[in-house]
Amino acid sequence: QVELMESGGGLVQSGGSLRLSCAASRTDFNLLVMGWFRQHSGKEHELVASITPGTSTNYGDAVKGRFTISRDDAKNMVYLQMTSLKPEDTAVYYCNARSVYGDWGRLWGQGTQVTVSS
């Protein structure tokens, strides 16, 4: 199990930017696939972006071209740079981790709230 701590959320106007950060506790962080999820009120967790140990990235259709995921293995950190934010991006954002051939963790941290005003 990886302990994850998200930060960087806040209130921003439509069209604005935010950078989310996630600190992970595992010493084999560099071998993990890291992902950012979001949860709209009353909905299931939605995968927003993921990044492999080889830094290949994948994005959900709703955020392609606007969000960028990155990682710093020396610091055990993963980031989500969000630009051109829209009101529909309002959600609680969580990071998660899995091994290359494994499943995403079923336990979620506290997340960080992102609110985009119109």
PDB file of N, CA and C in Angstrom:
ATOM      1  N   GLN A   1       0.842  -1.189   0.000  1.00  0.00           N
ATOM      2  CA  GLN A   1       0.000   0.000   0.000  1.00  0.00           C
ATOM      3  C   GLN A   1       0.885   1.250   0.000  1.00  0.00           C
ATOM      4  N   VAL A   2       0.533   2.196  -0.838  1.00  0.00           N
ATOM      5  CA  VAL A   2       1.277   3.440  -0.942  1.00  0.00           C
ATOM      6  C   VAL A   2       0.525   4.522  -0.194  1.00  0.00           C
ATOM      7  N   GLU A   3       1.241   5.258   0.645  1.00  0.00           N
ATOM      8  CA  GLU A   3       0.623   6.418   1.277  1.00  0.00           C
ATOM      9  C   GLU A   3       0.799   7.601   0.338  1.00  0.00           C
ATOM     10  N   LEU A   4      -0.294   8.292   0.074  1.00  0.00           N
ATOM     11  CA  LEU A   4      -0.298   9.380  -0.889  1.00  0.00           C
ATOM     12  C   LEU A   4      -0.892  10.623  -0.254  1.00  0.00           C
ATOM     13  N   MET A   5      -0.307  11.759  -0.534  1.00  0.00           N
ATOM     14  CA  MET A   5      -0.815  13.015  -0.003  1.00  0.00           C
ATOM     15  C   MET A   5      -0.888  14.038  -1.122  1.00  0.00           C
ATOM     16  N   GLU A   6      -2.114  14.476  -1.404  1.00  0.00           N
ATOM     17  CA  GLU A   6      -2.353  15.433  -2.459  1.00  0.00           C
ATOM     18  C   GLU A   6      -2.386  16.855  -1.909  1.00  0.00           C
ATOM     19  N   SER A   7      -1.983  17.799  -2.741  1.00  0.00           N
ATOM     20  CA  SER A   7      -2.041  19.205  -2.357  1.00  0.00           C
ATOM     21  C   SER A   7      -2.112  20.060  -3.606  1.00  0.00           C
ATOM     22  N   GLY A   8      -2.422  21.341  -3.410  1.00  0.00           N
ATOM     23  CA  GLY A   8      -2.391  22.288  -4.510  1.00  0.00           C
ATOM     24  C   GLY A   8      -3.731  22.728  -5.051  1.00  0.00           C
ATOM     25  N   GLY A   9      -4.805  22.157  -4.530  1.00  0.00           N
ATOM     26  CA  GLY A   9      -6.113  22.553  -5.005  1.00  0.00           C
ATOM     27  C   GLY A   9      -6.483  23.954  -4.546  1.00  0.00           C
ATOM     28  N   GLY A  10      -7.616  24.445  -5.048  1.00  0.00           N
ATOM     29  CA  GLY A  10      -8.078  25.753  -4.644  1.00  0.00           C
ATOM     30  C   GLY A  10      -9.199  26.232  -5.522  1.00  0.00           C
ATOM     31  N   LEU A  11      -9.498  27.509  -5.377  1.00  0.00           N
ATOM     32  CA  LEU A  11     -10.542  28.172  -6.162  1.00  0.00           C
ATOM     33  C   LEU A  11      -9.883  28.995  -7.260  1.00  0.00           C
ATOM     34  N   VAL A  12     -10.338  28.793  -8.484  1.00  0.00           N
ATOM     35  CA  VAL A  12      -9.753  29.501  -9.618  1.00  0.00           C
ATOM     36  C   VAL A  12     -10.857  29.861 -10.590  1.00  0.00           C
ATOM     37  N   GLN A  13     -10.660  30.937 -11.322  1.00  0.00           N
ATOM     38  CA  GLN A  13     -11.655  31.335 -12.317  1.00  0.00           C
ATOM     39  C   GLN A  13     -11.528  30.488 -13.572  1.00  0.00           C
ATOM     40  N   SER A  14     -12.606  30.403 -14.301  1.00  0.00           N
ATOM     41  CA  SER A  14     -12.586  29.687 -15.573  1.00  0.00           C
ATOM     42  C   SER A  14     -11.484  30.244 -16.467  1.00  0.00           C
ATOM     43  N   GLY A  15     -10.721  29.345 -17.082  1.00  0.00           N
ATOM     44  CA  GLY A  15      -9.588  29.746 -17.905  1.00  0.00           C
ATOM     45  C   GLY A  15      -8.272  29.800 -17.159  1.00  0.00           C
ATOM     46  N   GLY A  16      -8.330  29.678 -15.844  1.00  0.00           N
ATOM     47  CA  GLY A  16      -7.139  29.748 -15.028  1.00  0.00           C
ATOM     48  C   GLY A  16      -6.377  28.439 -14.974  1.00  0.00           C
ATOM     49  N   SER A  17      -5.326  28.428 -14.142  1.00  0.00           N
ATOM     50  CA  SER A  17      -4.446  27.261 -14.028  1.00  0.00           C
ATOM     51  C   SER A  17      -4.202  26.915 -12.571  1.00  0.00           C
ATOM     52  N   LEU A  18      -3.928  25.652 -12.342  1.00  0.00           N
ATOM     53  CA  LEU A  18      -3.510  25.162 -11.030  1.00  0.00           C
ATOM     54  C   LEU A  18      -2.522  24.030 -11.240  1.00  0.00           C
ATOM     55  N   ARG A  19      -1.657  23.841 -10.258  1.00  0.00           N
ATOM     56  CA  ARG A  19      -0.730  22.713 -10.288  1.00  0.00           C
ATOM     57  C   ARG A  19      -0.941  21.888  -9.034  1.00  0.00           C
ATOM     58  N   LEU A  20      -1.331  20.652  -9.216  1.00  0.00           N
ATOM     59  CA  LEU A  20      -1.515  19.736  -8.103  1.00  0.00           C
ATOM     60  C   LEU A  20      -0.243  18.925  -7.883  1.00  0.00           C
ATOM     61  N   SER A  21      -0.004  18.585  -6.627  1.00  0.00           N
ATOM     62  CA  SER A  21       1.153  17.768  -6.277  1.00  0.00           C
ATOM     63  C   SER A  21       0.697  16.570  -5.462  1.00  0.00           C
ATOM     64  N   CYS A  22       1.436  15.481  -5.594  1.00  0.00           N
ATOM     65  CA  CYS A  22       1.156  14.277  -4.820  1.00  0.00           C
ATOM     66  C   CYS A  22       2.480  13.699  -4.346  1.00  0.00           C
ATOM     67  N   ALA A  23       2.596  13.515  -3.035  1.00  0.00           N
ATOM     68  CA  ALA A  23       3.778  12.911  -2.441  1.00  0.00           C
ATOM     69  C   ALA A  23       3.470  11.458  -2.108  1.00  0.00           C
ATOM     70  N   ALA A  24       4.372  10.554  -2.500  1.00  0.00           N
ATOM     71  CA  ALA A  24       4.175   9.123  -2.275  1.00  0.00           C
ATOM     72  C   ALA A  24       5.242   8.583  -1.340  1.00  0.00           C
ATOM     73  N   SER A  25       4.857   7.555  -0.563  1.00  0.00           N
ATOM     74  CA  SER A  25       5.749   7.078   0.491  1.00  0.00           C
ATOM     75  C   SER A  25       6.613   5.902   0.073  1.00  0.00           C
ATOM     76  N   ARG A  26       6.334   5.270  -1.039  1.00  0.00           N
ATOM     77  CA  ARG A  26       7.010   4.022  -1.380  1.00  0.00           C
ATOM     78  C   ARG A  26       8.431   4.247  -1.896  1.00  0.00           C
ATOM     79  N   THR A  27       9.346   3.371  -1.484  1.00  0.00           N
ATOM     80  CA  THR A  27      10.742   3.474  -1.935  1.00  0.00           C
ATOM     81  C   THR A  27      10.894   2.990  -3.378  1.00  0.00           C
ATOM     82  N   ASP A  28       9.923   2.209  -3.871  1.00  0.00           N
ATOM     83  CA  ASP A  28       9.997   1.758  -5.262  1.00  0.00           C
ATOM     84  C   ASP A  28       9.110   2.624  -6.143  1.00  0.00           C
ATOM     85  N   PHE A  29       8.956   3.877  -5.758  1.00  0.00           N
ATOM     86  CA  PHE A  29       8.094   4.816  -6.489  1.00  0.00           C
ATOM     87  C   PHE A  29       8.412   4.819  -7.968  1.00  0.00           C
ATOM     88  N   ASN A  30       9.705   4.722  -8.298  1.00  0.00           N
ATOM     89  CA  ASN A  30      10.115   4.825  -9.694  1.00  0.00           C
ATOM     90  C   ASN A  30       9.623   3.652 -10.535  1.00  0.00           C
ATOM     91  N   LEU A  31       9.122   2.594  -9.889  1.00  0.00           N
ATOM     92  CA  LEU A  31       8.619   1.430 -10.613  1.00  0.00           C
ATOM     93  C   LEU A  31       7.092   1.445 -10.750  1.00  0.00           C
ATOM     94  N   LEU A  32       6.444   2.446 -10.194  1.00  0.00           N
ATOM     95  CA  LEU A  32       4.995   2.495 -10.151  1.00  0.00           C
ATOM     96  C   LEU A  32       4.413   3.332 -11.286  1.00  0.00           C
ATOM     97  N   VAL A  33       3.243   2.921 -11.747  1.00  0.00           N
ATOM     98  CA  VAL A  33       2.422   3.780 -12.596  1.00  0.00           C
ATOM     99  C   VAL A  33       1.650   4.703 -11.657  1.00  0.00           C
ATOM    100  N   MET A  34       1.703   5.979 -11.922  1.00  0.00           N
ATOM    101  CA  MET A  34       1.008   6.946 -11.077  1.00  0.00           C
ATOM    102  C   MET A  34      -0.149   7.562 -11.858  1.00  0.00           C
ATOM    103  N   GLY A  35      -1.227   7.834 -11.153  1.00  0.00           N
ATOM    104  CA  GLY A  35      -2.388   8.387 -11.819  1.00  0.00           C
ATOM    105  C   GLY A  35      -3.055   9.477 -11.004  1.00  0.00           C
ATOM    106  N   TRP A  36      -3.702  10.361 -11.700  1.00  0.00           N
ATOM    107  CA  TRP A  36      -4.575  11.355 -11.086  1.00  0.00           C
ATOM    108  C   TRP A  36      -6.018  11.012 -11.450  1.00  0.00           C
ATOM    109  N   PHE A  37      -6.853  10.991 -10.439  1.00  0.00           N
ATOM    110  CA  PHE A  37      -8.279  10.748 -10.593  1.00  0.00           C
ATOM    111  C   PHE A  37      -9.026  11.964 -10.073  1.00  0.00           C
ATOM    112  N   ARG A  38     -10.277  12.061 -10.456  1.00  0.00           N
ATOM    113  CA  ARG A  38     -11.127  13.082  -9.855  1.00  0.00           C
ATOM    114  C   ARG A  38     -12.506  12.483  -9.595  1.00  0.00           C
ATOM    115  N   GLN A  39     -13.163  13.085  -8.633  1.00  0.00           N
ATOM    116  CA  GLN A  39     -14.490  12.624  -8.264  1.00  0.00           C
ATOM    117  C   GLN A  39     -15.427  13.819  -8.176  1.00  0.00           C
ATOM    118  N   HIS A  40     -16.357  13.872  -9.118  1.00  0.00           N
ATOM    119  CA  HIS A  40     -17.403  14.872  -9.040  1.00  0.00           C
ATOM    120  C   HIS A  40     -18.397  14.430  -7.974  1.00  0.00           C
ATOM    121  N   SER A  41     -19.064  15.374  -7.391  1.00  0.00           N
ATOM    122  CA  SER A  41     -19.983  15.090  -6.288  1.00  0.00           C
ATOM    123  C   SER A  41     -20.971  13.999  -6.685  1.00  0.00           C
ATOM    124  N   GLY A  42     -20.993  12.930  -5.903  1.00  0.00           N
ATOM    125  CA  GLY A  42     -21.949  11.851  -6.124  1.00  0.00           C
ATOM    126  C   GLY A  42     -21.601  10.904  -7.240  1.00  0.00           C
ATOM    127  N   LYS A  43     -20.431  11.070  -7.828  1.00  0.00           N
ATOM    128  CA  LYS A  43     -20.039  10.221  -8.958  1.00  0.00           C
ATOM    129  C   LYS A  43     -18.861   9.306  -8.578  1.00  0.00           C
ATOM    130  N   GLU A  44     -18.555   8.377  -9.474  1.00  0.00           N
ATOM    131  CA  GLU A  44     -17.410   7.501  -9.275  1.00  0.00           C
ATOM    132  C   GLU A  44     -16.103   8.245  -9.588  1.00  0.00           C
ATOM    133  N   HIS A  45     -15.009   7.677  -9.107  1.00  0.00           N
ATOM    134  CA  HIS A  45     -13.702   8.218  -9.446  1.00  0.00           C
ATOM    135  C   HIS A  45     -13.470   8.066 -10.954  1.00  0.00           C
ATOM    136  N   GLU A  46     -12.922   9.110 -11.539  1.00  0.00           N
ATOM    137  CA  GLU A  46     -12.660   9.148 -12.985  1.00  0.00           C
ATOM    138  C   GLU A  46     -11.161   9.318 -13.195  1.00  0.00           C
ATOM    139  N   LEU A  47     -10.556   8.448 -14.011  1.00  0.00           N
ATOM    140  CA  LEU A  47      -9.127   8.577 -14.294  1.00  0.00           C
ATOM    141  C   LEU A  47      -8.908   9.773 -15.208  1.00  0.00           C
ATOM    142  N   VAL A  48      -8.089  10.704 -14.752  1.00  0.00           N
ATOM    143  CA  VAL A  48      -7.806  11.924 -15.498  1.00  0.00           C
ATOM    144  C   VAL A  48      -6.535  11.770 -16.324  1.00  0.00           C
ATOM    145  N   ALA A  49      -5.490  11.244 -15.693  1.00  0.00           N
ATOM    146  CA  ALA A  49      -4.204  11.118 -16.375  1.00  0.00           C
ATOM    147  C   ALA A  49      -3.361  10.078 -15.658  1.00  0.00           C
ATOM    148  N   SER A  50      -2.478   9.437 -16.396  1.00  0.00           N
ATOM    149  CA  SER A  50      -1.560   8.479 -15.789  1.00  0.00           C
ATOM    150  C   SER A  50      -0.197   8.605 -16.445  1.00  0.00           C
ATOM    151  N   ILE A  51       0.822   8.156 -15.707  1.00  0.00           N
ATOM    152  CA  ILE A  51       2.192   8.210 -16.212  1.00  0.00           C
ATOM    153  C   ILE A  51       2.915   6.957 -15.762  1.00  0.00           C
ATOM    154  N   THR A  52       3.592   6.310 -16.698  1.00  0.00           N
ATOM    155  CA  THR A  52       4.293   5.062 -16.408  1.00  0.00           C
ATOM    156  C   THR A  52       5.699   5.349 -15.876  1.00  0.00           C
ATOM    157  N   PRO A  53       6.383   4.294 -15.404  1.00  0.00           N
ATOM    158  CA  PRO A  53       7.777   4.488 -14.995  1.00  0.00           C
ATOM    159  C   PRO A  53       8.643   5.010 -16.135  1.00  0.00           C
ATOM    160  N   GLY A  54       8.295   4.685 -17.353  1.00  0.00           N
ATOM    161  CA  GLY A  54       9.056   5.187 -18.489  1.00  0.00           C
ATOM    162  C   GLY A  54       8.568   6.532 -18.980  1.00  0.00           C
ATOM    163  N   THR A  55       7.693   7.145 -18.210  1.00  0.00           N
ATOM    164  CA  THR A  55       7.107   8.476 -18.466  1.00  0.00           C
ATOM    165  C   THR A  55       6.211   8.546 -19.695  1.00  0.00           C
ATOM    166  N   SER A  56       5.660   7.426 -20.101  1.00  0.00           N
ATOM    167  CA  SER A  56       4.580   7.488 -21.085  1.00  0.00           C
ATOM    168  C   SER A  56       3.327   7.976 -20.384  1.00  0.00           C
ATOM    169  N   THR A  57       2.579   8.834 -21.053  1.00  0.00           N
ATOM    170  CA  THR A  57       1.408   9.429 -20.419  1.00  0.00           C
ATOM    171  C   THR A  57       0.128   9.084 -21.163  1.00  0.00           C
ATOM    172  N   ASN A  58      -0.967   9.149 -20.418  1.00  0.00           N
ATOM    173  CA  ASN A  58      -2.276   8.894 -20.994  1.00  0.00           C
ATOM    174  C   ASN A  58      -3.261   9.855 -20.340  1.00  0.00           C
ATOM    175  N   TYR A  59      -4.201  10.381 -21.122  1.00  0.00           N
ATOM    176  CA  TYR A  59      -5.133  11.379 -20.605  1.00  0.00           C
ATOM    177  C   TYR A  59      -6.567  11.018 -20.959  1.00  0.00           C
ATOM    178  N   GLY A  60      -7.473  11.399 -20.074  1.00  0.00           N
ATOM    179  CA  GLY A  60      -8.879  11.279 -20.391  1.00  0.00           C
ATOM    180  C   GLY A  60      -9.258  12.285 -21.467  1.00  0.00           C
ATOM    181  N   ASP A  61     -10.267  11.955 -22.234  1.00  0.00           N
ATOM    182  CA  ASP A  61     -10.669  12.817 -23.348  1.00  0.00           C
ATOM    183  C   ASP A  61     -11.041  14.218 -22.881  1.00  0.00           C
ATOM    184  N   ALA A  62     -11.605  14.323 -21.689  1.00  0.00           N
ATOM    185  CA  ALA A  62     -12.088  15.620 -21.205  1.00  0.00           C
ATOM    186  C   ALA A  62     -10.964  16.595 -20.896  1.00  0.00           C
ATOM    187  N   VAL A  63      -9.741  16.082 -20.710  1.00  0.00           N
ATOM    188  CA  VAL A  63      -8.644  16.962 -20.283  1.00  0.00           C
ATOM    189  C   VAL A  63      -7.495  17.003 -21.270  1.00  0.00           C
ATOM    190  N   LYS A  64      -7.566  16.223 -22.336  1.00  0.00           N
ATOM    191  CA  LYS A  64      -6.470  16.209 -23.313  1.00  0.00           C
ATOM    192  C   LYS A  64      -6.203  17.606 -23.853  1.00  0.00           C
ATOM    193  N   GLY A  65      -4.915  17.947 -23.895  1.00  0.00           N
ATOM    194  CA  GLY A  65      -4.526  19.255 -24.397  1.00  0.00           C
ATOM    195  C   GLY A  65      -4.568  20.354 -23.357  1.00  0.00           C
ATOM    196  N   ARG A  66      -5.140  20.064 -22.187  1.00  0.00           N
ATOM    197  CA  ARG A  66      -5.233  21.084 -21.133  1.00  0.00           C
ATOM    198  C   ARG A  66      -4.441  20.693 -19.883  1.00  0.00           C
ATOM    199  N   PHE A  67      -4.380  19.424 -19.589  1.00  0.00           N
ATOM    200  CA  PHE A  67      -3.688  18.948 -18.386  1.00  0.00           C
ATOM    201  C   PHE A  67      -2.402  18.219 -18.777  1.00  0.00           C
ATOM    202  N   THR A  68      -1.408  18.314 -17.910  1.00  0.00           N
ATOM    203  CA  THR A  68      -0.140  17.622 -18.132  1.00  0.00           C
ATOM    204  C   THR A  68       0.288  16.939 -16.839  1.00  0.00           C
ATOM    205  N   ILE A  69       0.521  15.643 -16.914  1.00  0.00           N
ATOM    206  CA  ILE A  69       1.010  14.893 -15.762  1.00  0.00           C
ATOM    207  C   ILE A  69       2.520  14.734 -15.891  1.00  0.00           C
ATOM    208  N   SER A  70       3.200  14.816 -14.760  1.00  0.00           N
ATOM    209  CA  SER A  70       4.653  14.622 -14.754  1.00  0.00           C
ATOM    210  C   SER A  70       5.050  13.997 -13.424  1.00  0.00           C
ATOM    211  N   ARG A  71       6.283  13.512 -13.365  1.00  0.00           N
ATOM    212  CA  ARG A  71       6.751  12.880 -12.141  1.00  0.00           C
ATOM    213  C   ARG A  71       8.208  13.252 -11.894  1.00  0.00           C
ATOM    214  N   ASP A  72       8.579  13.231 -10.629  1.00  0.00           N
ATOM    215  CA  ASP A  72       9.966  13.445 -10.221  1.00  0.00           C
ATOM    216  C   ASP A  72      10.328  12.272  -9.318  1.00  0.00           C
ATOM    217  N   ASP A  73      10.992  11.276  -9.871  1.00  0.00           N
ATOM    218  CA  ASP A  73      11.284  10.069  -9.110  1.00  0.00           C
ATOM    219  C   ASP A  73      12.273  10.325  -7.968  1.00  0.00           C
ATOM    220  N   ALA A  74      13.107  11.331  -8.109  1.00  0.00           N
ATOM    221  CA  ALA A  74      14.065  11.640  -7.042  1.00  0.00           C
ATOM    222  C   ALA A  74      13.349  12.151  -5.793  1.00  0.00           C
ATOM    223  N   LYS A  75      12.183  12.744  -5.987  1.00  0.00           N
ATOM    224  CA  LYS A  75      11.430  13.310  -4.874  1.00  0.00           C
ATOM    225  C   LYS A  75      10.187  12.507  -4.529  1.00  0.00           C
ATOM    226  N   ASN A  76       9.940  11.412  -5.243  1.00  0.00           N
ATOM    227  CA  ASN A  76       8.707  10.627  -5.050  1.00  0.00           C
ATOM    228  C   ASN A  76       7.470  11.499  -5.190  1.00  0.00           C
ATOM    229  N   MET A  77       7.448  12.302  -6.240  1.00  0.00           N
ATOM    230  CA  MET A  77       6.354  13.233  -6.448  1.00  0.00           C
ATOM    231  C   MET A  77       5.754  13.040  -7.838  1.00  0.00           C
ATOM    232  N   VAL A  78       4.451  13.273  -7.920  1.00  0.00           N
ATOM    233  CA  VAL A  78       3.783  13.328  -9.211  1.00  0.00           C
ATOM    234  C   VAL A  78       2.957  14.610  -9.233  1.00  0.00           C
ATOM    235  N   TYR A  79       2.870  15.224 -10.397  1.00  0.00           N
ATOM    236  CA  TYR A  79       2.233  16.521 -10.528  1.00  0.00           C
ATOM    237  C   TYR A  79       1.144  16.476 -11.605  1.00  0.00           C
ATOM    238  N   LEU A  80       0.211  17.385 -11.484  1.00  0.00           N
ATOM    239  CA  LEU A  80      -0.790  17.571 -12.522  1.00  0.00           C
ATOM    240  C   LEU A  80      -0.916  19.071 -12.777  1.00  0.00           C
ATOM    241  N   GLN A  81      -0.391  19.505 -13.918  1.00  0.00           N
ATOM    242  CA  GLN A  81      -0.525  20.897 -14.321  1.00  0.00           C
ATOM    243  C   GLN A  81      -1.833  21.028 -15.091  1.00  0.00           C
ATOM    244  N   MET A  82      -2.705  21.872 -14.599  1.00  0.00           N
ATOM    245  CA  MET A  82      -4.019  22.052 -15.201  1.00  0.00           C
ATOM    246  C   MET A  82      -4.127  23.467 -15.749  1.00  0.00           C
ATOM    247  N   THR A  83      -4.443  23.584 -17.011  1.00  0.00           N
ATOM    248  CA  THR A  83      -4.614  24.888 -17.652  1.00  0.00           C
ATOM    249  C   THR A  83      -5.985  24.955 -18.315  1.00  0.00           C
ATOM    250  N   SER A  84      -6.368  26.156 -18.706  1.00  0.00           N
ATOM    251  CA  SER A  84      -7.668  26.372 -19.361  1.00  0.00           C
ATOM    252  C   SER A  84      -8.790  25.686 -18.595  1.00  0.00           C
ATOM    253  N   LEU A  85      -8.786  25.880 -17.304  1.00  0.00           N
ATOM    254  CA  LEU A  85      -9.753  25.188 -16.457  1.00  0.00           C
ATOM    255  C   LEU A  85     -11.178  25.627 -16.756  1.00  0.00           C
ATOM    256  N   LYS A  86     -12.087  24.666 -16.629  1.00  0.00           N
ATOM    257  CA  LYS A  86     -13.497  24.880 -16.892  1.00  0.00           C
ATOM    258  C   LYS A  86     -14.299  24.563 -15.633  1.00  0.00           C
ATOM    259  N   PRO A  87     -15.487  25.118 -15.506  1.00  0.00           N
ATOM    260  CA  PRO A  87     -16.319  24.787 -14.335  1.00  0.00           C
ATOM    261  C   PRO A  87     -16.543  23.287 -14.170  1.00  0.00           C
ATOM    262  N   GLU A  88     -16.610  22.552 -15.257  1.00  0.00           N
ATOM    263  CA  GLU A  88     -16.826  21.100 -15.166  1.00  0.00           C
ATOM    264  C   GLU A  88     -15.595  20.346 -14.656  1.00  0.00           C
ATOM    265  N   ASP A  89     -14.465  21.039 -14.506  1.00  0.00           N
ATOM    266  CA  ASP A  89     -13.290  20.421 -13.877  1.00  0.00           C
ATOM    267  C   ASP A  89     -13.397  20.450 -12.360  1.00  0.00           C
ATOM    268  N   THR A  90     -14.397  21.129 -11.832  1.00  0.00           N
ATOM    269  CA  THR A  90     -14.602  21.178 -10.384  1.00  0.00           C
ATOM    270  C   THR A  90     -14.826  19.783  -9.849  1.00  0.00           C
ATOM    271  N   ALA A  91     -13.995  19.382  -8.896  1.00  0.00           N
ATOM    272  CA  ALA A  91     -14.044  18.026  -8.347  1.00  0.00           C
ATOM    273  C   ALA A  91     -13.001  17.923  -7.246  1.00  0.00           C
ATOM    274  N   VAL A  92     -13.030  16.812  -6.530  1.00  0.00           N
ATOM    275  CA  VAL A  92     -11.935  16.461  -5.627  1.00  0.00           C
ATOM    276  C   VAL A  92     -10.959  15.595  -6.430  1.00  0.00           C
ATOM    277  N   TYR A  93      -9.700  15.966  -6.403  1.00  0.00           N
ATOM    278  CA  TYR A  93      -8.675  15.276  -7.174  1.00  0.00           C
ATOM    279  C   TYR A  93      -7.831  14.407  -6.252  1.00  0.00           C
ATOM    280  N   TYR A  94      -7.582  13.193  -6.701  1.00  0.00           N
ATOM    281  CA  TYR A  94      -6.823  12.214  -5.934  1.00  0.00           C
ATOM    282  C   TYR A  94      -5.697  11.642  -6.791  1.00  0.00           C
ATOM    283  N   CYS A  95      -4.609  11.270  -6.163  1.00  0.00           N
ATOM    284  CA  CYS A  95      -3.628  10.478  -6.881  1.00  0.00           C
ATOM    285  C   CYS A  95      -3.715   9.030  -6.416  1.00  0.00           C
ATOM    286  N   ASN A  96      -3.204   8.150  -7.233  1.00  0.00           N
ATOM    287  CA  ASN A  96      -3.243   6.720  -6.945  1.00  0.00           C
ATOM    288  C   ASN A  96      -2.037   6.084  -7.621  1.00  0.00           C
ATOM    289  N   ALA A  97      -1.768   4.854  -7.264  1.00  0.00           N
ATOM    290  CA  ALA A  97      -0.583   4.173  -7.782  1.00  0.00           C
ATOM    291  C   ALA A  97      -0.884   2.709  -8.029  1.00  0.00           C
ATOM    292  N   ARG A  98      -0.181   2.126  -8.969  1.00  0.00           N
ATOM    293  CA  ARG A  98      -0.278   0.686  -9.195  1.00  0.00           C
ATOM    294  C   ARG A  98       1.030   0.196  -9.783  1.00  0.00           C
ATOM    295  N   SER A  99       1.263  -1.099  -9.654  1.00  0.00           N
ATOM    296  CA  SER A  99       2.394  -1.695 -10.355  1.00  0.00           C
ATOM    297  C   SER A  99       2.039  -1.749 -11.840  1.00  0.00           C
ATOM    298  N   VAL A 100       3.019  -2.005 -12.683  1.00  0.00           N
ATOM    299  CA  VAL A 100       2.818  -1.966 -14.133  1.00  0.00           C
ATOM    300  C   VAL A 100       1.704  -2.912 -14.575  1.00  0.00           C
ATOM    301  N   TYR A 101       1.622  -4.085 -13.965  1.00  0.00           N
ATOM    302  CA  TYR A 101       0.598  -5.062 -14.361  1.00  0.00           C
ATOM    303  C   TYR A 101      -0.492  -5.221 -13.300  1.00  0.00           C
ATOM    304  N   GLY A 102      -0.537  -4.303 -12.364  1.00  0.00           N
ATOM    305  CA  GLY A 102      -1.494  -4.427 -11.272  1.00  0.00           C
ATOM    306  C   GLY A 102      -2.693  -3.513 -11.418  1.00  0.00           C
ATOM    307  N   ASP A 103      -3.519  -3.489 -10.389  1.00  0.00           N
ATOM    308  CA  ASP A 103      -4.716  -2.666 -10.342  1.00  0.00           C
ATOM    309  C   ASP A 103      -4.461  -1.413  -9.514  1.00  0.00           C
ATOM    310  N   TRP A 104      -5.243  -0.390  -9.753  1.00  0.00           N
ATOM    311  CA  TRP A 104      -5.162   0.806  -8.934  1.00  0.00           C
ATOM    312  C   TRP A 104      -5.561   0.472  -7.495  1.00  0.00           C
ATOM    313  N   GLY A 105      -4.945   1.162  -6.544  1.00  0.00           N
ATOM    314  CA  GLY A 105      -5.249   0.955  -5.147  1.00  0.00           C
ATOM    315  C   GLY A 105      -6.710   1.280  -4.853  1.00  0.00           C
ATOM    316  N   ARG A 106      -7.265   0.549  -3.905  1.00  0.00           N
ATOM    317  CA  ARG A 106      -8.681   0.741  -3.581  1.00  0.00           C
ATOM    318  C   ARG A 106      -8.888   1.718  -2.441  1.00  0.00           C
ATOM    319  N   LEU A 107      -7.814   2.105  -1.793  1.00  0.00           N
ATOM    320  CA  LEU A 107      -7.927   3.081  -0.721  1.00  0.00           C
ATOM    321  C   LEU A 107      -7.559   4.450  -1.259  1.00  0.00           C
ATOM    322  N   TRP A 108      -8.313   5.451  -0.873  1.00  0.00           N
ATOM    323  CA  TRP A 108      -8.099   6.805  -1.352  1.00  0.00           C
ATOM    324  C   TRP A 108      -7.681   7.715  -0.212  1.00  0.00           C
ATOM    325  N   GLY A 109      -6.824   8.664  -0.536  1.00  0.00           N
ATOM    326  CA  GLY A 109      -6.426   9.665   0.441  1.00  0.00           C
ATOM    327  C   GLY A 109      -7.496  10.726   0.588  1.00  0.00           C
ATOM    328  N   GLN A 110      -7.121  11.849   1.162  1.00  0.00           N
ATOM    329  CA  GLN A 110      -8.087  12.931   1.395  1.00  0.00           C
ATOM    330  C   GLN A 110      -8.391  13.704   0.125  1.00  0.00           C
ATOM    331  N   GLY A 111      -7.494  13.662  -0.834  1.00  0.00           N
ATOM    332  CA  GLY A 111      -7.707  14.409  -2.056  1.00  0.00           C
ATOM    333  C   GLY A 111      -7.520  15.899  -1.853  1.00  0.00           C
ATOM    334  N   THR A 112      -7.644  16.625  -2.955  1.00  0.00           N
ATOM    335  CA  THR A 112      -7.549  18.080  -2.895  1.00  0.00           C
ATOM    336  C   THR A 112      -8.666  18.665  -3.761  1.00  0.00           C
ATOM    337  N   GLN A 113      -9.387  19.613  -3.202  1.00  0.00           N
ATOM    338  CA  GLN A 113     -10.550  20.179  -3.875  1.00  0.00           C
ATOM    339  C   GLN A 113     -10.123  21.218  -4.903  1.00  0.00           C
ATOM    340  N   VAL A 114     -10.646  21.079  -6.103  1.00  0.00           N
ATOM    341  CA  VAL A 114     -10.470  22.077  -7.158  1.00  0.00           C
ATOM    342  C   VAL A 114     -11.849  22.630  -7.496  1.00  0.00           C
ATOM    343  N   THR A 115     -11.976  23.933  -7.397  1.00  0.00           N
ATOM    344  CA  THR A 115     -13.234  24.587  -7.726  1.00  0.00           C
ATOM    345  C   THR A 115     -12.974  25.653  -8.784  1.00  0.00           C
ATOM    346  N   VAL A 116     -13.684  25.544  -9.894  1.00  0.00           N
ATOM    347  CA  VAL A 116     -13.516  26.488 -10.996  1.00  0.00           C
ATOM    348  C   VAL A 116     -14.797  27.295 -11.126  1.00  0.00           C
ATOM    349  N   SER A 117     -14.688  28.576 -10.942  1.00  0.00           N
ATOM    350  CA  SER A 117     -15.863  29.447 -11.025  1.00  0.00           C
ATOM    351  C   SER A 117     -16.029  29.968 -12.446  1.00  0.00           C
ATOM    352  N   SER A 118     -17.263  30.151 -12.836  1.00  0.00           N
ATOM    353  CA  SER A 118     -17.538  30.619 -14.200  1.00  0.00           C
ATOM    354  C   SER A 118     -17.549  32.141 -14.269  1.00  0.00           C
TER     355      SER A 118
END
